[in-house]
């Protein structure tokens, strides 16, 4: 699976379906691991019998993982983009918009929808609206890191891609999970099956589009325009 995915990363002909299948195992293991960690967090928090303290702790963890998610998303987007196009300005624009949009969808919007589907009184929180000053340093570092990594040899990029895809999806899993707990879904254990299935989708689709599909689409489009001129 890993070799197959790595070959696709340097190919122009892979499909969205193939990319989703390549990323699916990462999502399964990442969400499972994040559920295990959340179980330990909830277990130790239960000794305090303080729902507010549990929610506040989860809120802090959500922000930490959400900000780190932005770093990995921006890095992955630029690495993919610059494999197919050399337009720096357009690459940076794609990197900013793609990372901002898909991190928000994966970490906030979809967990909020999932909680509401289960009848939980979720509180909606949008970091790009309320915490932009905290997000910008992480976004900036992710863009710089992606630009530098895109200048490395393709063999190093391939090694990094396999590692980064898993870490990217793992961090997104933690961010989504802690968003649920910190914004209303404290008593999540009874619905663990639904959460597991829902978060796999909530993580794998946005991360796949962010890492591969969207930057590749715009890079190839920009490259075609450059060839015409």
C-alpha atoms as a PDB file:
ATOM      1  CA  UNK A   1       0.000   0.000   0.000  1.00  0.00           C
ATOM      2  CA  UNK A   2       2.747   2.478   0.896  1.00  0.00           C
ATOM      3  CA  UNK A   3       4.743   1.789  -2.303  1.00  0.00           C
ATOM      4  CA  UNK A   4       1.569   2.089  -4.346  1.00  0.00           C
ATOM      5  CA  UNK A   5       0.731   5.411  -2.734  1.00  0.00           C
ATOM      6  CA  UNK A   6       4.248   6.770  -3.159  1.00  0.00           C
ATOM      7  CA  UNK A   7       4.183   5.908  -6.858  1.00  0.00           C
ATOM      8  CA  UNK A   8       0.908   7.771  -7.207  1.00  0.00           C
ATOM      9  CA  UNK A   9       2.340  10.823  -5.508  1.00  0.00           C
ATOM     10  CA  UNK A  10       4.689  11.366  -8.440  1.00  0.00           C
ATOM     11  CA  UNK A  11       2.109  10.442 -11.074  1.00  0.00           C
ATOM     12  CA  UNK A  12      -0.197  12.697 -13.065  1.00  0.00           C
ATOM     13  CA  UNK A  13      -2.817   9.995 -13.640  1.00  0.00           C
ATOM     14  CA  UNK A  14      -4.029   8.942 -10.213  1.00  0.00           C
ATOM     15  CA  UNK A  15      -7.686   9.441  -9.306  1.00  0.00           C
ATOM     16  CA  UNK A  16      -9.437  10.873  -6.256  1.00  0.00           C
ATOM     17  CA  UNK A  17     -10.698   7.373  -5.459  1.00  0.00           C
ATOM     18  CA  UNK A  18      -7.150   5.989  -5.453  1.00  0.00           C
ATOM     19  CA  UNK A  19      -5.926   8.795  -3.208  1.00  0.00           C
ATOM     20  CA  UNK A  20      -8.767   8.203  -0.739  1.00  0.00           C
ATOM     21  CA  UNK A  21      -7.926   4.492  -0.650  1.00  0.00           C
ATOM     22  CA  UNK A  22      -4.251   5.308  -0.035  1.00  0.00           C
ATOM     23  CA  UNK A  23      -5.108   7.590   2.871  1.00  0.00           C
ATOM     24  CA  UNK A  24      -7.874   5.420   4.349  1.00  0.00           C
ATOM     25  CA  UNK A  25      -5.612   3.106   6.420  1.00  0.00           C
ATOM     26  CA  UNK A  26      -3.858   6.144   7.894  1.00  0.00           C
ATOM     27  CA  UNK A  27      -7.235   7.519   8.955  1.00  0.00           C
ATOM     28  CA  UNK A  28      -8.342   4.249  10.546  1.00  0.00           C
ATOM     29  CA  UNK A  29      -5.197   3.890  12.665  1.00  0.00           C
ATOM     30  CA  UNK A  30      -5.101   7.612  13.508  1.00  0.00           C
ATOM     31  CA  UNK A  31      -8.702   7.829  14.673  1.00  0.00           C
ATOM     32  CA  UNK A  32      -8.332   4.590  16.643  1.00  0.00           C
ATOM     33  CA  UNK A  33      -5.217   5.928  18.364  1.00  0.00           C
ATOM     34  CA  UNK A  34      -6.843   9.273  19.123  1.00  0.00           C
ATOM     35  CA  UNK A  35      -9.851   7.468  20.624  1.00  0.00           C
ATOM     36  CA  UNK A  36      -7.529   5.456  22.842  1.00  0.00           C
ATOM     37  CA  UNK A  37      -5.761   8.612  24.038  1.00  0.00           C
ATOM     38  CA  UNK A  38      -9.079  10.371  24.621  1.00  0.00           C
ATOM     39  CA  UNK A  39     -10.244   7.389  26.671  1.00  0.00           C
ATOM     40  CA  UNK A  40      -7.262   7.785  28.999  1.00  0.00           C
ATOM     41  CA  UNK A  41      -7.852  11.537  29.245  1.00  0.00           C
ATOM     42  CA  UNK A  42     -11.524  11.012  30.081  1.00  0.00           C
ATOM     43  CA  UNK A  43     -10.675   8.243  32.556  1.00  0.00           C
ATOM     44  CA  UNK A  44      -8.318  10.402  34.598  1.00  0.00           C
ATOM     45  CA  UNK A  45     -10.631  13.408  34.311  1.00  0.00           C
ATOM     46  CA  UNK A  46     -13.497  11.362  35.767  1.00  0.00           C
ATOM     47  CA  UNK A  47     -11.742  11.320  39.155  1.00  0.00           C
ATOM     48  CA  UNK A  48     -12.304  15.072  39.430  1.00  0.00           C
ATOM     49  CA  UNK A  49     -16.009  14.891  38.574  1.00  0.00           C
ATOM     50  CA  UNK A  50     -15.578  18.328  37.051  1.00  0.00           C
ATOM     51  CA  UNK A  51     -17.099  18.645  33.581  1.00  0.00           C
ATOM     52  CA  UNK A  52     -15.906  22.236  33.183  1.00  0.00           C
ATOM     53  CA  UNK A  53     -12.297  21.251  33.902  1.00  0.00           C
ATOM     54  CA  UNK A  54     -12.522  18.399  31.383  1.00  0.00           C
ATOM     55  CA  UNK A  55     -13.952  20.721  28.749  1.00  0.00           C
ATOM     56  CA  UNK A  56     -11.295  23.366  29.388  1.00  0.00           C
ATOM     57  CA  UNK A  57      -8.496  20.819  29.137  1.00  0.00           C
ATOM     58  CA  UNK A  58      -9.918  19.456  25.887  1.00  0.00           C
ATOM     59  CA  UNK A  59     -10.244  23.028  24.581  1.00  0.00           C
ATOM     60  CA  UNK A  60      -6.528  23.637  25.162  1.00  0.00           C
ATOM     61  CA  UNK A  61      -5.627  20.341  23.474  1.00  0.00           C
ATOM     62  CA  UNK A  62      -7.905  21.124  20.530  1.00  0.00           C
ATOM     63  CA  UNK A  63      -6.156  24.417  19.859  1.00  0.00           C
ATOM     64  CA  UNK A  64      -2.708  22.849  20.130  1.00  0.00           C
ATOM     65  CA  UNK A  65      -3.513  20.087  17.640  1.00  0.00           C
ATOM     66  CA  UNK A  66      -5.492  22.406  15.359  1.00  0.00           C
ATOM     67  CA  UNK A  67      -2.564  24.810  15.070  1.00  0.00           C
ATOM     68  CA  UNK A  68      -0.127  21.951  14.425  1.00  0.00           C
ATOM     69  CA  UNK A  69      -2.544  20.581  11.829  1.00  0.00           C
ATOM     70  CA  UNK A  70      -2.262  23.861   9.934  1.00  0.00           C
ATOM     71  CA  UNK A  71       1.538  23.489   9.812  1.00  0.00           C
ATOM     72  CA  UNK A  72       1.339  20.013   8.280  1.00  0.00           C
ATOM     73  CA  UNK A  73      -1.494  20.942   5.910  1.00  0.00           C
ATOM     74  CA  UNK A  74       0.328  23.993   4.526  1.00  0.00           C
ATOM     75  CA  UNK A  75       3.564  22.008   4.174  1.00  0.00           C
ATOM     76  CA  UNK A  76       1.904  19.092   2.374  1.00  0.00           C
ATOM     77  CA  UNK A  77      -0.031  21.367   0.051  1.00  0.00           C
ATOM     78  CA  UNK A  78       3.070  23.219  -1.158  1.00  0.00           C
ATOM     79  CA  UNK A  79       5.133  20.059  -1.590  1.00  0.00           C
ATOM     80  CA  UNK A  80       2.465  18.642  -3.895  1.00  0.00           C
ATOM     81  CA  UNK A  81       1.898  21.925  -5.721  1.00  0.00           C
ATOM     82  CA  UNK A  82       5.554  22.543  -6.537  1.00  0.00           C
ATOM     83  CA  UNK A  83       5.950  19.057  -7.979  1.00  0.00           C
ATOM     84  CA  UNK A  84       3.738  20.128 -10.864  1.00  0.00           C
ATOM     85  CA  UNK A  85       4.177  23.898 -11.066  1.00  0.00           C
ATOM     86  CA  UNK A  86       6.929  26.449 -10.371  1.00  0.00           C
ATOM     87  CA  UNK A  87       4.629  29.433  -9.843  1.00  0.00           C
ATOM     88  CA  UNK A  88       5.616  30.583  -6.339  1.00  0.00           C
ATOM     89  CA  UNK A  89       2.934  33.244  -5.904  1.00  0.00           C
ATOM     90  CA  UNK A  90       0.094  30.974  -7.000  1.00  0.00           C
ATOM     91  CA  UNK A  91       1.533  28.177  -4.896  1.00  0.00           C
ATOM     92  CA  UNK A  92       1.494  30.335  -1.776  1.00  0.00           C
ATOM     93  CA  UNK A  93      -2.083  31.436  -2.473  1.00  0.00           C
ATOM     94  CA  UNK A  94      -3.183  27.816  -2.924  1.00  0.00           C
ATOM     95  CA  UNK A  95      -1.284  26.859   0.236  1.00  0.00           C
ATOM     96  CA  UNK A  96      -2.945  29.531   2.375  1.00  0.00           C
ATOM     97  CA  UNK A  97      -6.489  28.935   1.115  1.00  0.00           C
ATOM     98  CA  UNK A  98      -6.295  25.150   1.025  1.00  0.00           C
ATOM     99  CA  UNK A  99      -4.804  24.713   4.493  1.00  0.00           C
ATOM    100  CA  UNK A 100      -7.184  27.279   6.006  1.00  0.00           C
ATOM    101  CA  UNK A 101     -10.297  25.790   4.455  1.00  0.00           C
ATOM    102  CA  UNK A 102      -9.698  22.069   4.908  1.00  0.00           C
ATOM    103  CA  UNK A 103      -8.282  22.346   8.435  1.00  0.00           C
ATOM    104  CA  UNK A 104     -11.416  24.239   9.431  1.00  0.00           C
ATOM    105  CA  UNK A 105     -13.671  21.657   7.761  1.00  0.00           C
ATOM    106  CA  UNK A 106     -11.896  18.688   9.324  1.00  0.00           C
ATOM    107  CA  UNK A 107     -11.249  20.049  12.823  1.00  0.00           C
ATOM    108  CA  UNK A 108     -14.327  22.205  13.456  1.00  0.00           C
ATOM    109  CA  UNK A 109     -17.192  22.066  10.962  1.00  0.00           C
ATOM    110  CA  UNK A 110     -17.502  18.288  10.556  1.00  0.00           C
ATOM    111  CA  UNK A 111     -17.092  17.498  14.300  1.00  0.00           C
ATOM    112  CA  UNK A 112     -19.744  20.118  15.013  1.00  0.00           C
ATOM    113  CA  UNK A 113     -22.083  18.511  12.474  1.00  0.00           C
ATOM    114  CA  UNK A 114     -21.358  15.059  13.905  1.00  0.00           C
ATOM    115  CA  UNK A 115     -22.247  16.174  17.406  1.00  0.00           C
ATOM    116  CA  UNK A 116     -25.432  17.852  16.233  1.00  0.00           C
ATOM    117  CA  UNK A 117     -26.439  14.678  14.374  1.00  0.00           C
ATOM    118  CA  UNK A 118     -26.373  12.877  17.726  1.00  0.00           C
ATOM    119  CA  UNK A 119     -28.486  15.551  19.360  1.00  0.00           C
ATOM    120  CA  UNK A 120     -25.667  17.149  21.344  1.00  0.00           C
ATOM    121  CA  UNK A 121     -25.936  20.862  22.080  1.00  0.00           C
ATOM    122  CA  UNK A 122     -22.650  21.710  20.398  1.00  0.00           C
ATOM    123  CA  UNK A 123     -21.057  25.159  20.561  1.00  0.00           C
ATOM    124  CA  UNK A 124     -19.576  26.298  17.250  1.00  0.00           C
ATOM    125  CA  UNK A 125     -16.086  27.767  17.392  1.00  0.00           C
ATOM    126  CA  UNK A 126     -14.122  29.040  14.397  1.00  0.00           C
ATOM    127  CA  UNK A 127     -10.453  29.682  15.101  1.00  0.00           C
ATOM    128  CA  UNK A 128      -9.850  31.605  11.882  1.00  0.00           C
ATOM    129  CA  UNK A 129     -12.414  34.102  13.150  1.00  0.00           C
ATOM    130  CA  UNK A 130     -11.601  34.334  16.865  1.00  0.00           C
ATOM    131  CA  UNK A 131      -7.925  33.280  17.043  1.00  0.00           C
ATOM    132  CA  UNK A 132      -6.423  34.492  13.765  1.00  0.00           C
ATOM    133  CA  UNK A 133      -3.454  36.108  15.526  1.00  0.00           C
ATOM    134  CA  UNK A 134      -2.532  32.723  17.011  1.00  0.00           C
ATOM    135  CA  UNK A 135      -3.018  30.854  13.749  1.00  0.00           C
ATOM    136  CA  UNK A 136      -0.913  33.068  11.480  1.00  0.00           C
ATOM    137  CA  UNK A 137       2.510  32.051  12.903  1.00  0.00           C
ATOM    138  CA  UNK A 138       1.694  28.360  12.355  1.00  0.00           C
ATOM    139  CA  UNK A 139       0.406  29.017   8.848  1.00  0.00           C
ATOM    140  CA  UNK A 140       3.507  31.058   8.008  1.00  0.00           C
ATOM    141  CA  UNK A 141       5.886  28.360   9.276  1.00  0.00           C
ATOM    142  CA  UNK A 142       3.952  25.686   7.368  1.00  0.00           C
ATOM    143  CA  UNK A 143       4.270  27.654   4.122  1.00  0.00           C
ATOM    144  CA  UNK A 144       7.997  28.281   4.639  1.00  0.00           C
ATOM    145  CA  UNK A 145       8.566  24.640   5.529  1.00  0.00           C
ATOM    146  CA  UNK A 146       6.618  23.447   2.490  1.00  0.00           C
ATOM    147  CA  UNK A 147       8.583  25.745   0.198  1.00  0.00           C
ATOM    148  CA  UNK A 148      11.907  24.511   1.589  1.00  0.00           C
ATOM    149  CA  UNK A 149      10.853  20.852   1.445  1.00  0.00           C
ATOM    150  CA  UNK A 150       9.734  21.250  -2.174  1.00  0.00           C
ATOM    151  CA  UNK A 151      13.353  22.139  -3.042  1.00  0.00           C
ATOM    152  CA  UNK A 152      14.674  18.856  -1.635  1.00  0.00           C
ATOM    153  CA  UNK A 153      15.435  15.847  -3.805  1.00  0.00           C
ATOM    154  CA  UNK A 154      12.398  13.798  -4.842  1.00  0.00           C
ATOM    155  CA  UNK A 155      13.598  10.767  -2.829  1.00  0.00           C
ATOM    156  CA  UNK A 156      13.583  12.824   0.377  1.00  0.00           C
ATOM    157  CA  UNK A 157      10.168  14.215  -0.497  1.00  0.00           C
ATOM    158  CA  UNK A 158       8.849  10.681  -0.959  1.00  0.00           C
ATOM    159  CA  UNK A 159      10.146   9.602   2.455  1.00  0.00           C
ATOM    160  CA  UNK A 160       8.691  12.728   4.029  1.00  0.00           C
ATOM    161  CA  UNK A 161       5.323  12.259   2.320  1.00  0.00           C
ATOM    162  CA  UNK A 162       4.746   8.799   3.777  1.00  0.00           C
ATOM    163  CA  UNK A 163       5.613  10.054   7.247  1.00  0.00           C
ATOM    164  CA  UNK A 164       3.765  13.363   6.947  1.00  0.00           C
ATOM    165  CA  UNK A 165       0.535  11.857   5.640  1.00  0.00           C
ATOM    166  CA  UNK A 166       0.210   9.705   8.739  1.00  0.00           C
ATOM    167  CA  UNK A 167       1.196  12.499  11.150  1.00  0.00           C
ATOM    168  CA  UNK A 168      -1.059  14.958   9.314  1.00  0.00           C
ATOM    169  CA  UNK A 169      -4.073  12.664   9.643  1.00  0.00           C
ATOM    170  CA  UNK A 170      -3.166  11.731  13.230  1.00  0.00           C
ATOM    171  CA  UNK A 171      -3.004  15.382  14.304  1.00  0.00           C
ATOM    172  CA  UNK A 172      -6.274  16.086  12.509  1.00  0.00           C
ATOM    173  CA  UNK A 173      -7.863  13.146  14.347  1.00  0.00           C
ATOM    174  CA  UNK A 174      -6.795  14.551  17.711  1.00  0.00           C
ATOM    175  CA  UNK A 175      -8.004  18.032  16.802  1.00  0.00           C
ATOM    176  CA  UNK A 176     -11.410  16.755  15.677  1.00  0.00           C
ATOM    177  CA  UNK A 177     -11.782  14.543  18.739  1.00  0.00           C
ATOM    178  CA  UNK A 178     -10.898  17.258  21.226  1.00  0.00           C
ATOM    179  CA  UNK A 179     -13.173  19.713  19.422  1.00  0.00           C
ATOM    180  CA  UNK A 180     -16.087  17.362  20.103  1.00  0.00           C
ATOM    181  CA  UNK A 181     -15.289  17.119  23.814  1.00  0.00           C
ATOM    182  CA  UNK A 182     -14.447  20.770  24.365  1.00  0.00           C
ATOM    183  CA  UNK A 183     -17.515  22.121  22.584  1.00  0.00           C
ATOM    184  CA  UNK A 184     -20.282  20.089  24.155  1.00  0.00           C
ATOM    185  CA  UNK A 185     -19.770  16.342  23.671  1.00  0.00           C
ATOM    186  CA  UNK A 186     -18.191  15.508  27.033  1.00  0.00           C
ATOM    187  CA  UNK A 187     -20.144  12.260  27.500  1.00  0.00           C
ATOM    188  CA  UNK A 188     -19.045  10.679  24.231  1.00  0.00           C
ATOM    189  CA  UNK A 189     -18.463   7.072  25.325  1.00  0.00           C
ATOM    190  CA  UNK A 190     -21.970   5.778  24.558  1.00  0.00           C
ATOM    191  CA  UNK A 191     -21.606   6.823  20.896  1.00  0.00           C
ATOM    192  CA  UNK A 192     -18.026   5.680  20.357  1.00  0.00           C
ATOM    193  CA  UNK A 193     -18.954   3.536  17.327  1.00  0.00           C
ATOM    194  CA  UNK A 194     -20.588   6.405  15.466  1.00  0.00           C
ATOM    195  CA  UNK A 195     -17.748   8.744  16.394  1.00  0.00           C
ATOM    196  CA  UNK A 196     -15.166   6.269  15.084  1.00  0.00           C
ATOM    197  CA  UNK A 197     -16.899   5.910  11.704  1.00  0.00           C
ATOM    198  CA  UNK A 198     -17.776   9.586  11.352  1.00  0.00           C
ATOM    199  CA  UNK A 199     -14.311  10.848  12.190  1.00  0.00           C
ATOM    200  CA  UNK A 200     -12.657   8.498   9.697  1.00  0.00           C
ATOM    201  CA  UNK A 201     -14.644  10.246   6.968  1.00  0.00           C
ATOM    202  CA  UNK A 202     -14.189  13.672   8.574  1.00  0.00           C
ATOM    203  CA  UNK A 203     -10.418  13.199   8.582  1.00  0.00           C
ATOM    204  CA  UNK A 204      -9.562  11.258   5.432  1.00  0.00           C
ATOM    205  CA  UNK A 205     -11.567  13.315   2.919  1.00  0.00           C
ATOM    206  CA  UNK A 206     -10.384  16.840   3.874  1.00  0.00           C
ATOM    207  CA  UNK A 207      -6.773  15.724   4.441  1.00  0.00           C
ATOM    208  CA  UNK A 208      -6.632  13.913   1.082  1.00  0.00           C
ATOM    209  CA  UNK A 209      -7.997  16.928  -0.752  1.00  0.00           C
ATOM    210  CA  UNK A 210      -5.634  19.234   1.145  1.00  0.00           C
ATOM    211  CA  UNK A 211      -2.487  17.141   0.681  1.00  0.00           C
ATOM    212  CA  UNK A 212      -2.965  15.980  -2.892  1.00  0.00           C
ATOM    213  CA  UNK A 213      -6.133  16.625  -4.882  1.00  0.00           C
ATOM    214  CA  UNK A 214      -6.547  20.416  -4.673  1.00  0.00           C
ATOM    215  CA  UNK A 215      -2.871  21.473  -4.952  1.00  0.00           C
ATOM    216  CA  UNK A 216      -2.332  19.061  -7.833  1.00  0.00           C
ATOM    217  CA  UNK A 217      -5.400  20.327  -9.676  1.00  0.00           C
ATOM    218  CA  UNK A 218      -4.384  23.993  -9.434  1.00  0.00           C
ATOM    219  CA  UNK A 219      -0.714  23.250 -10.135  1.00  0.00           C
ATOM    220  CA  UNK A 220      -1.506  21.366 -13.342  1.00  0.00           C
ATOM    221  CA  UNK A 221      -3.956  24.089 -14.336  1.00  0.00           C
ATOM    222  CA  UNK A 222      -1.332  26.786 -13.761  1.00  0.00           C
ATOM    223  CA  UNK A 223       1.251  24.745 -15.659  1.00  0.00           C
ATOM    224  CA  UNK A 224      -1.030  24.392 -18.675  1.00  0.00           C
ATOM    225  CA  UNK A 225      -1.612  28.150 -18.751  1.00  0.00           C
ATOM    226  CA  UNK A 226       2.146  28.707 -18.580  1.00  0.00           C
ATOM    227  CA  UNK A 227       2.718  26.332 -21.525  1.00  0.00           C
ATOM    228  CA  UNK A 228       0.151  28.188 -23.639  1.00  0.00           C
ATOM    229  CA  UNK A 229       2.007  31.464 -23.066  1.00  0.00           C
END
